Amino acid sequence: MKTIDEAKLTKLYYSIGEVADLFDISTSLIRYWESEFSILKPHKNSKGDRRFTKENIKQLALVYHLVKERGFTLDGAKQEVKAEKKRIEYIENIKNKLVMLKNKLQDIRDSKAEE
C-alpha cells in the first residue's frame, strides 16, 4: 500500500495539487474519485478550492491502494470501503465496551479496597 509518512504531513491543509503530487496522480483523478467515493470530502474554502486534511489524505490513500495497487474496479473499491468502514465502527464499538468494562472493574476494585 502506498504509504504516506504522516510525520511529513505538517500542515493543517493541503491543496489538491500537493495531494496529487503525493500520490503521483492527476488532480482530475482526485476530483473524479471525490465524485465516486462518499468518504472523500475535502474541505473547501470560500473560493471553492479543495483543502485536504491528514484524514482526507488517509482516505484517499485507501482509495488509491484499492484502485491503483490492488486493481479493484470502482464498484469493488466502493464495496471494500464500506466494509472497511463497518470494520472500523465494529472495532470502535468493542473499544468503547472494553473501556466501560474496565471502568466498572476499577469501581469494583475501589469499593472492595474501601471495605
C-alpha atoms as a PDB file:
ATOM      1  CA  MET A   1       0.000   0.000   0.000  1.00  0.00           C
ATOM      2  CA  LYS A   2       1.297   3.435  -0.860  1.00  0.00           C
ATOM      3  CA  THR A   3       2.204   4.846   2.495  1.00  0.00           C
ATOM      4  CA  ILE A   4       2.229   8.490   3.285  1.00  0.00           C
ATOM      5  CA  ASP A   5       4.594   9.398   6.099  1.00  0.00           C
ATOM      6  CA  GLU A   6       2.293  11.238   8.488  1.00  0.00           C
ATOM      7  CA  ALA A   7       5.293  12.821  10.207  1.00  0.00           C
ATOM      8  CA  LYS A   8       5.996  14.687   6.973  1.00  0.00           C
ATOM      9  CA  LEU A   9       2.432  15.993   6.838  1.00  0.00           C
ATOM     10  CA  THR A  10       2.984  19.061   8.973  1.00  0.00           C
ATOM     11  CA  LYS A  11       0.434  21.457   7.524  1.00  0.00           C
ATOM     12  CA  LEU A  12      -3.203  21.648   8.535  1.00  0.00           C
ATOM     13  CA  TYR A  13      -4.443  21.736   4.935  1.00  0.00           C
ATOM     14  CA  TYR A  14      -3.000  20.661   1.594  1.00  0.00           C
ATOM     15  CA  SER A  15      -4.075  21.831  -1.842  1.00  0.00           C
ATOM     16  CA  ILE A  16      -5.312  19.373  -4.440  1.00  0.00           C
ATOM     17  CA  GLY A  17      -2.057  19.899  -6.373  1.00  0.00           C
ATOM     18  CA  GLU A  18       0.051  18.981  -3.354  1.00  0.00           C
ATOM     19  CA  VAL A  19      -2.042  15.861  -2.744  1.00  0.00           C
ATOM     20  CA  ALA A  20      -1.826  14.880  -6.416  1.00  0.00           C
ATOM     21  CA  ASP A  21       1.964  15.159  -6.175  1.00  0.00           C
ATOM     22  CA  LEU A  22       1.997  12.942  -3.061  1.00  0.00           C
ATOM     23  CA  PHE A  23       0.280  10.148  -4.979  1.00  0.00           C
ATOM     24  CA  ASP A  24       1.734  10.959  -8.405  1.00  0.00           C
ATOM     25  CA  ILE A  25      -1.747  11.213  -9.934  1.00  0.00           C
ATOM     26  CA  SER A  26      -3.628  13.988 -11.689  1.00  0.00           C
ATOM     27  CA  THR A  27      -5.851  16.477  -9.927  1.00  0.00           C
ATOM     28  CA  SER A  28      -8.694  15.494 -12.243  1.00  0.00           C
ATOM     29  CA  LEU A  29      -8.448  11.895 -11.000  1.00  0.00           C
ATOM     30  CA  ILE A  30      -8.765  13.120  -7.417  1.00  0.00           C
ATOM     31  CA  ARG A  31     -11.828  15.177  -8.347  1.00  0.00           C
ATOM     32  CA  TYR A  32     -13.318  12.160 -10.136  1.00  0.00           C
ATOM     33  CA  TRP A  33     -12.717   9.866  -7.176  1.00  0.00           C
ATOM     34  CA  GLU A  34     -14.253  12.516  -4.936  1.00  0.00           C
ATOM     35  CA  SER A  35     -17.440  12.303  -7.004  1.00  0.00           C
ATOM     36  CA  GLU A  36     -17.417   8.486  -6.835  1.00  0.00           C
ATOM     37  CA  PHE A  37     -16.464   7.828  -3.199  1.00  0.00           C
ATOM     38  CA  SER A  38     -18.571   9.348  -0.446  1.00  0.00           C
ATOM     39  CA  ILE A  39     -15.694   9.140   2.055  1.00  0.00           C
ATOM     40  CA  LEU A  40     -13.677  11.663   0.053  1.00  0.00           C
ATOM     41  CA  LYS A  41     -14.970  15.005   1.243  1.00  0.00           C
ATOM     42  CA  PRO A  42     -12.176  17.560   1.434  1.00  0.00           C
ATOM     43  CA  HIS A  43     -12.917  20.948   2.925  1.00  0.00           C
ATOM     44  CA  LYS A  44     -13.496  23.780   0.501  1.00  0.00           C
ATOM     45  CA  ASN A  45     -12.587  27.383   1.167  1.00  0.00           C
ATOM     46  CA  SER A  46     -14.766  30.357   0.222  1.00  0.00           C
ATOM     47  CA  LYS A  47     -13.418  30.262  -3.348  1.00  0.00           C
ATOM     48  CA  GLY A  48     -14.275  26.560  -3.649  1.00  0.00           C
ATOM     49  CA  ASP A  49     -10.655  25.370  -3.564  1.00  0.00           C
ATOM     50  CA  ARG A  50     -10.270  21.932  -2.045  1.00  0.00           C
ATOM     51  CA  ARG A  51      -8.250  21.739   1.154  1.00  0.00           C
ATOM     52  CA  PHE A  52      -7.218  18.249   2.272  1.00  0.00           C
ATOM     53  CA  THR A  53      -6.522  17.344   5.902  1.00  0.00           C
ATOM     54  CA  LYS A  54      -4.368  14.427   7.056  1.00  0.00           C
ATOM     55  CA  GLU A  55      -7.559  12.386   7.476  1.00  0.00           C
ATOM     56  CA  ASN A  56      -8.644  13.211   3.899  1.00  0.00           C
ATOM     57  CA  ILE A  57      -5.222  12.098   2.678  1.00  0.00           C
ATOM     58  CA  LYS A  58      -5.545   8.787   4.573  1.00  0.00           C
ATOM     59  CA  GLN A  59      -8.929   8.196   2.959  1.00  0.00           C
ATOM     60  CA  LEU A  60      -7.505   8.977  -0.462  1.00  0.00           C
ATOM     61  CA  ALA A  61      -4.619   6.582   0.255  1.00  0.00           C
ATOM     62  CA  LEU A  62      -7.166   3.807   0.846  1.00  0.00           C
ATOM     63  CA  VAL A  63      -8.915   4.512  -2.460  1.00  0.00           C
ATOM     64  CA  TYR A  64      -5.566   4.737  -4.250  1.00  0.00           C
ATOM     65  CA  HIS A  65      -4.478   1.411  -2.763  1.00  0.00           C
ATOM     66  CA  LEU A  66      -7.662  -0.364  -3.771  1.00  0.00           C
ATOM     67  CA  VAL A  67      -7.907   1.022  -7.301  1.00  0.00           C
ATOM     68  CA  LYS A  68      -4.307   1.537  -8.391  1.00  0.00           C
ATOM     69  CA  GLU A  69      -2.384  -1.063  -6.404  1.00  0.00           C
ATOM     70  CA  ARG A  70      -4.874  -3.888  -5.935  1.00  0.00           C
ATOM     71  CA  GLY A  71      -6.701  -3.364  -9.224  1.00  0.00           C
ATOM     72  CA  PHE A  72     -10.241  -3.096  -7.866  1.00  0.00           C
ATOM     73  CA  THR A  73     -12.962  -1.744 -10.097  1.00  0.00           C
ATOM     74  CA  LEU A  74     -14.629   1.394  -8.768  1.00  0.00           C
ATOM     75  CA  ASP A  75     -17.670  -0.617  -7.687  1.00  0.00           C
ATOM     76  CA  GLY A  76     -15.462  -3.187  -5.981  1.00  0.00           C
ATOM     77  CA  ALA A  77     -13.474  -0.461  -4.255  1.00  0.00           C
ATOM     78  CA  LYS A  78     -16.692   1.185  -3.058  1.00  0.00           C
ATOM     79  CA  GLN A  79     -17.828  -2.106  -1.526  1.00  0.00           C
ATOM     80  CA  GLU A  80     -14.435  -2.563   0.128  1.00  0.00           C
ATOM     81  CA  VAL A  81     -14.554   0.983   1.528  1.00  0.00           C
ATOM     82  CA  LYS A  82     -18.000   0.271   3.014  1.00  0.00           C
ATOM     83  CA  ALA A  83     -16.718  -2.976   4.519  1.00  0.00           C
ATOM     84  CA  GLU A  84     -13.683  -1.160   5.961  1.00  0.00           C
ATOM     85  CA  LYS A  85     -15.964   1.487   7.471  1.00  0.00           C
ATOM     86  CA  LYS A  86     -18.050  -1.240   9.121  1.00  0.00           C
ATOM     87  CA  ARG A  87     -14.898  -2.921  10.468  1.00  0.00           C
ATOM     88  CA  ILE A  88     -13.719   0.366  11.948  1.00  0.00           C
ATOM     89  CA  GLU A  89     -17.127   1.001  13.560  1.00  0.00           C
ATOM     90  CA  TYR A  90     -17.125  -2.541  14.963  1.00  0.00           C
ATOM     91  CA  ILE A  91     -13.642  -2.100  16.438  1.00  0.00           C
ATOM     92  CA  GLU A  92     -14.595   1.272  17.934  1.00  0.00           C
ATOM     93  CA  ASN A  93     -17.681  -0.313  19.483  1.00  0.00           C
ATOM     94  CA  ILE A  94     -15.567  -3.056  21.051  1.00  0.00           C
ATOM     95  CA  LYS A  95     -13.063  -0.480  22.356  1.00  0.00           C
ATOM     96  CA  ASN A  96     -15.880   1.513  23.967  1.00  0.00           C
ATOM     97  CA  LYS A  97     -17.288  -1.606  25.616  1.00  0.00           C
ATOM     98  CA  LEU A  98     -13.851  -2.560  26.929  1.00  0.00           C
ATOM     99  CA  VAL A  99     -13.352   0.917  28.400  1.00  0.00           C
ATOM    100  CA  MET A 100     -16.738   0.685  30.118  1.00  0.00           C
ATOM    101  CA  LEU A 101     -15.876  -2.772  31.467  1.00  0.00           C
ATOM    102  CA  LYS A 102     -12.504  -1.523  32.695  1.00  0.00           C
ATOM    103  CA  ASN A 103     -14.170   1.378  34.499  1.00  0.00           C
ATOM    104  CA  LYS A 104     -16.689  -0.956  36.162  1.00  0.00           C
ATOM    105  CA  LEU A 105     -13.925  -3.302  37.269  1.00  0.00           C
ATOM    106  CA  GLN A 106     -11.956  -0.371  38.693  1.00  0.00           C
ATOM    107  CA  ASP A 107     -15.067   0.780  40.555  1.00  0.00           C
ATOM    108  CA  ILE A 108     -15.500  -2.712  41.998  1.00  0.00           C
ATOM    109  CA  ARG A 109     -11.817  -2.842  42.990  1.00  0.00           C
ATOM    110  CA  ASP A 110     -12.039   0.591  44.598  1.00  0.00           C
ATOM    111  CA  SER A 111     -15.196  -0.312  46.544  1.00  0.00           C
ATOM    112  CA  LYS A 112     -13.561  -3.535  47.801  1.00  0.00           C
ATOM    113  CA  ALA A 113     -10.474  -1.574  48.895  1.00  0.00           C
ATOM    114  CA  GLU A 114     -12.665   0.771  50.937  1.00  0.00           C
ATOM    115  CA  GLU A 115     -14.229  -2.127  52.896  1.00  0.00           C
END
